[in-house]
Amino acid sequence: MASNIRDNTALSPFEMPLGGGALAVAYYKVEDGRVVLLHTEVPQELSGL
């Protein structure tokens, strides 16, 4: 399965287009050589799935 996740290094989220203009994001920071996830967002209609 191909992934369309991209790293928006200017704003520090990983972004995944979901179709129809919807976007899921995972905000992160790099700390001690590790990626630390800070917050995730998905469209409301996909929340809790």
Protein backbone atom coordinates (compact mmCIF):
# COMPACT_ATOMS: atom_id res chain seq x y z
CA MET A 1 0.00 0.00 0.00
CA ALA A 2 1.48 3.33 -1.05
CA SER A 3 1.52 6.15 1.46
CA ASN A 4 0.83 9.76 0.60
CA ILE A 5 2.02 11.15 3.94
CA ARG A 6 4.26 14.18 3.55
CA ASP A 7 6.42 16.09 6.00
CA ASN A 8 5.65 19.81 6.02
CA THR A 9 8.98 20.83 7.53
CA ALA A 10 8.10 24.54 7.51
CA LEU A 11 5.23 24.02 10.00
CA SER A 12 6.29 20.66 11.53
CA PRO A 13 3.26 18.51 10.88
CA PHE A 14 3.05 15.31 8.93
CA GLU A 15 0.13 15.71 6.53
CA MET A 16 -2.03 13.08 4.84
CA PRO A 17 -4.59 14.13 2.22
CA LEU A 18 -7.84 12.20 2.66
CA GLY A 19 -9.64 13.24 -0.51
CA GLY A 20 -12.20 15.93 -1.11
CA GLY A 21 -9.83 18.55 0.32
CA ALA A 22 -9.77 16.91 3.78
CA LEU A 23 -6.44 16.63 5.57
CA ALA A 24 -5.20 14.70 8.60
CA VAL A 25 -2.18 16.14 10.42
CA ALA A 26 0.20 15.04 13.16
CA TYR A 27 2.26 17.84 14.74
CA TYR A 28 5.69 16.88 16.01
CA LYS A 29 9.05 18.05 17.27
CA VAL A 30 12.45 16.41 16.94
CA GLU A 31 14.05 15.87 20.33
CA ASP A 32 17.29 13.98 21.00
CA GLY A 33 17.16 12.47 17.51
CA ARG A 34 13.60 11.17 17.99
CA VAL A 35 10.31 12.35 16.51
CA VAL A 36 7.87 13.22 19.32
CA LEU A 37 4.20 13.48 18.31
CA LEU A 38 2.51 16.43 20.01
CA HIS A 39 -1.00 16.55 18.58
CA THR A 40 -3.09 14.93 15.85
CA GLU A 41 -6.09 16.28 13.96
CA VAL A 42 -8.57 14.56 11.64
CA PRO A 43 -11.80 15.84 10.13
CA GLN A 44 -14.69 15.61 12.61
CA GLU A 45 -16.53 13.02 10.53
CA LEU A 46 -13.56 10.64 10.91
CA SER A 47 -12.97 11.26 14.61
CA GLY A 48 -13.34 8.18 16.78
CA LEU A 49 -13.17 5.64 13.95
